[in-house]
Structures are given as C-alpha cells and as structure tokens.
Amino acid sequence: MLTPLPSFMLGHQVTVEPYLGASAYGPRYGSPTSVRCFLDQQTRTVRSPTGQEVTSTSTFYARPGLVCPAESRVTLPDGRQTRVIARLERSGGGMPTPDHVEVQLL
C-alpha cells in the first residue's frame, strides 16, 4: 500500500520541465509542470547516475509518480534555474513511512 508524503510537508513549489533529449539546437524539454514539494537547499556530495561524485546544491522531495529524469530543468521558488542530477524512488517497502521521490539538483 502506498503511503505518500502528507500535504503539510509539501510547503514549497518548483517548476519541472522534463528532459526529452538533445537536438541540433541544444537540450529539449517537455511542458513545465508545477510540483508541490519539500525543498532542502543544502550543499552535499552525491553520485550521478553514471557514478561520478558531484555537488548538489538542493534536493526536493515530492509525491511518487513525478516524471523528472536526469538533466530535467527545475525552477526553484526564488527563480533560480538548475538541472536534475538524479531522481530516486524512496519506498517504505510496506512499512508505515511516506513513499516519495527524492530529486537531487545541481
């Protein structure tokens, strides 16, 4: 049974433009989507999907089902635009903990 993050924890809002791939004119993005989330603006070292250590400046946590692959463009509440390093599914495995998506940002 899915236990999503409770609404009271989703006090921030970001805009996500899913990465669609590269074109002759640069990266292509999908339509912008507004996402309610919990935003943690803390610098930390994380691993990219290719295994490289990179510096993440922010992480947000949202409800499951978010389409947000690596390289997607994200606009933070202060207007700063950044890109996704990695999107990680966090499941409680049936335990009574909130299932969510962790999105690490450059």
C-alpha atoms as a PDB file:
ATOM      1  CA  MET A   1       0.000   0.000   0.000  1.00  0.00           C
ATOM      2  CA  LEU A   2       1.329   3.423  -0.999  1.00  0.00           C
ATOM      3  CA  THR A   3       1.736   5.990   1.791  1.00  0.00           C
ATOM      4  CA  PRO A   4       2.506   9.343   0.118  1.00  0.00           C
ATOM      5  CA  LEU A   5       4.109  12.355   1.788  1.00  0.00           C
ATOM      6  CA  PRO A   6       1.466  14.234   3.805  1.00  0.00           C
ATOM      7  CA  SER A   7       0.272  17.558   2.380  1.00  0.00           C
ATOM      8  CA  PHE A   8       1.534  19.594   5.344  1.00  0.00           C
ATOM      9  CA  MET A   9       5.117  18.652   4.370  1.00  0.00           C
ATOM     10  CA  LEU A  10       4.741  19.997   0.824  1.00  0.00           C
ATOM     11  CA  GLY A  11       5.198  23.688   1.607  1.00  0.00           C
ATOM     12  CA  HIS A  12       7.279  24.611  -1.445  1.00  0.00           C
ATOM     13  CA  GLN A  13       6.563  24.707  -5.150  1.00  0.00           C
ATOM     14  CA  VAL A  14       9.020  24.147  -8.010  1.00  0.00           C
ATOM     15  CA  THR A  15       8.537  24.021 -11.766  1.00  0.00           C
ATOM     16  CA  VAL A  16       9.840  20.943 -13.578  1.00  0.00           C
ATOM     17  CA  GLU A  17      10.489  20.739 -17.322  1.00  0.00           C
ATOM     18  CA  PRO A  18      11.275  17.055 -18.095  1.00  0.00           C
ATOM     19  CA  TYR A  19      14.370  16.441 -20.209  1.00  0.00           C
ATOM     20  CA  LEU A  20      13.396  14.953 -23.588  1.00  0.00           C
ATOM     21  CA  GLY A  21      16.844  14.620 -25.142  1.00  0.00           C
ATOM     22  CA  ALA A  22      19.329  16.589 -27.203  1.00  0.00           C
ATOM     23  CA  SER A  23      18.662  18.296 -30.510  1.00  0.00           C
ATOM     24  CA  ALA A  24      20.796  20.181 -33.009  1.00  0.00           C
ATOM     25  CA  TYR A  25      19.894  23.355 -31.079  1.00  0.00           C
ATOM     26  CA  GLY A  26      20.599  22.066 -27.555  1.00  0.00           C
ATOM     27  CA  PRO A  27      18.578  20.235 -24.918  1.00  0.00           C
ATOM     28  CA  ARG A  28      14.832  19.676 -25.423  1.00  0.00           C
ATOM     29  CA  TYR A  29      12.393  19.910 -22.519  1.00  0.00           C
ATOM     30  CA  GLY A  30       8.759  18.962 -22.037  1.00  0.00           C
ATOM     31  CA  SER A  31       5.969  21.234 -20.848  1.00  0.00           C
ATOM     32  CA  PRO A  32       6.534  22.899 -17.460  1.00  0.00           C
ATOM     33  CA  THR A  33       4.720  21.307 -14.532  1.00  0.00           C
ATOM     34  CA  SER A  34       4.220  22.882 -11.121  1.00  0.00           C
ATOM     35  CA  VAL A  35       5.152  20.446  -8.325  1.00  0.00           C
ATOM     36  CA  ARG A  36       4.376  20.769  -4.607  1.00  0.00           C
ATOM     37  CA  CYS A  37       7.346  19.538  -2.603  1.00  0.00           C
ATOM     38  CA  PHE A  38       9.616  19.889   0.397  1.00  0.00           C
ATOM     39  CA  LEU A  39      12.765  21.764  -0.687  1.00  0.00           C
ATOM     40  CA  ASP A  40      16.062  21.345   1.186  1.00  0.00           C
ATOM     41  CA  GLN A  41      18.647  23.884  -0.007  1.00  0.00           C
ATOM     42  CA  GLN A  42      21.744  22.230   1.403  1.00  0.00           C
ATOM     43  CA  THR A  43      25.017  21.593  -0.402  1.00  0.00           C
ATOM     44  CA  ARG A  44      26.194  17.972  -0.331  1.00  0.00           C
ATOM     45  CA  THR A  45      28.121  15.475  -2.419  1.00  0.00           C
ATOM     46  CA  VAL A  46      26.022  12.901  -4.293  1.00  0.00           C
ATOM     47  CA  ARG A  47      26.588  10.336  -7.043  1.00  0.00           C
ATOM     48  CA  SER A  48      25.257  10.903 -10.536  1.00  0.00           C
ATOM     49  CA  PRO A  49      23.579   8.046 -12.461  1.00  0.00           C
ATOM     50  CA  THR A  50      26.981   7.423 -14.114  1.00  0.00           C
ATOM     51  CA  GLY A  51      28.682   7.031 -10.716  1.00  0.00           C
ATOM     52  CA  GLN A  52      30.541  10.358 -10.644  1.00  0.00           C
ATOM     53  CA  GLU A  53      30.675  12.388  -7.435  1.00  0.00           C
ATOM     54  CA  VAL A  54      29.019  15.775  -7.994  1.00  0.00           C
ATOM     55  CA  THR A  55      27.945  18.641  -5.741  1.00  0.00           C
ATOM     56  CA  SER A  56      24.222  19.001  -5.193  1.00  0.00           C
ATOM     57  CA  THR A  57      23.041  22.459  -4.114  1.00  0.00           C
ATOM     58  CA  SER A  58      19.440  21.468  -3.368  1.00  0.00           C
ATOM     59  CA  THR A  59      17.203  18.427  -3.012  1.00  0.00           C
ATOM     60  CA  PHE A  60      13.445  18.289  -3.180  1.00  0.00           C
ATOM     61  CA  TYR A  61      11.051  15.576  -2.050  1.00  0.00           C
ATOM     62  CA  ALA A  62       7.730  15.051  -3.834  1.00  0.00           C
ATOM     63  CA  ARG A  63       4.960  12.505  -4.116  1.00  0.00           C
ATOM     64  CA  PRO A  64       5.538   9.340  -6.183  1.00  0.00           C
ATOM     65  CA  GLY A  65       4.846   9.423  -9.912  1.00  0.00           C
ATOM     66  CA  LEU A  66       6.844  12.546 -10.763  1.00  0.00           C
ATOM     67  CA  VAL A  67       8.375  12.432 -14.264  1.00  0.00           C
ATOM     68  CA  CYS A  68      11.722  14.117 -13.807  1.00  0.00           C
ATOM     69  CA  PRO A  69      14.675  12.315 -15.471  1.00  0.00           C
ATOM     70  CA  ALA A  70      18.302  13.397 -15.068  1.00  0.00           C
ATOM     71  CA  GLU A  71      19.045  16.672 -16.910  1.00  0.00           C
ATOM     72  CA  SER A  72      15.470  17.968 -16.468  1.00  0.00           C
ATOM     73  CA  ARG A  73      15.274  21.708 -15.836  1.00  0.00           C
ATOM     74  CA  VAL A  74      13.888  22.865 -12.478  1.00  0.00           C
ATOM     75  CA  THR A  75      12.965  26.405 -11.445  1.00  0.00           C
ATOM     76  CA  LEU A  76      13.161  26.956  -7.688  1.00  0.00           C
ATOM     77  CA  PRO A  77      10.853  29.291  -5.706  1.00  0.00           C
ATOM     78  CA  ASP A  78      13.477  32.081  -5.793  1.00  0.00           C
ATOM     79  CA  GLY A  79      13.574  31.925  -9.614  1.00  0.00           C
ATOM     80  CA  ARG A  80      16.926  30.148  -9.906  1.00  0.00           C
ATOM     81  CA  GLN A  81      17.036  27.503 -12.639  1.00  0.00           C
ATOM     82  CA  THR A  82      19.007  24.312 -12.137  1.00  0.00           C
ATOM     83  CA  ARG A  83      19.155  20.765 -13.522  1.00  0.00           C
ATOM     84  CA  VAL A  84      18.411  17.341 -12.089  1.00  0.00           C
ATOM     85  CA  ILE A  85      21.370  15.151 -11.134  1.00  0.00           C
ATOM     86  CA  ALA A  86      19.282  12.128 -10.168  1.00  0.00           C
ATOM     87  CA  ARG A  87      15.704  11.129  -9.341  1.00  0.00           C
ATOM     88  CA  LEU A  88      15.400   8.411  -6.710  1.00  0.00           C
ATOM     89  CA  GLU A  89      12.298   6.418  -5.700  1.00  0.00           C
ATOM     90  CA  ARG A  90      12.064   6.131  -1.913  1.00  0.00           C
ATOM     91  CA  SER A  91       9.661   3.392  -0.852  1.00  0.00           C
ATOM     92  CA  GLY A  92       8.840   2.359   2.682  1.00  0.00           C
ATOM     93  CA  GLY A  93       8.510  -1.220   1.474  1.00  0.00           C
ATOM     94  CA  GLY A  94       5.087  -1.621   3.069  1.00  0.00           C
ATOM     95  CA  MET A  95       6.137  -0.015   6.365  1.00  0.00           C
ATOM     96  CA  PRO A  96       4.108   2.995   7.561  1.00  0.00           C
ATOM     97  CA  THR A  97       6.630   5.539   6.268  1.00  0.00           C
ATOM     98  CA  PRO A  98       5.953   8.055   3.493  1.00  0.00           C
ATOM     99  CA  ASP A  99       6.778   6.855  -0.029  1.00  0.00           C
ATOM    100  CA  HIS A 100       8.274   9.690  -2.065  1.00  0.00           C
ATOM    101  CA  VAL A 101      10.622  10.777  -4.826  1.00  0.00           C
ATOM    102  CA  GLU A 102      13.965  12.396  -3.981  1.00  0.00           C
ATOM    103  CA  VAL A 103      15.283  14.745  -6.682  1.00  0.00           C
ATOM    104  CA  GLN A 104      18.909  15.896  -6.376  1.00  0.00           C
ATOM    105  CA  LEU A 105      19.737  19.177  -8.120  1.00  0.00           C
ATOM    106  CA  LEU A 106      22.901  20.847  -9.403  1.00  0.00           C
END
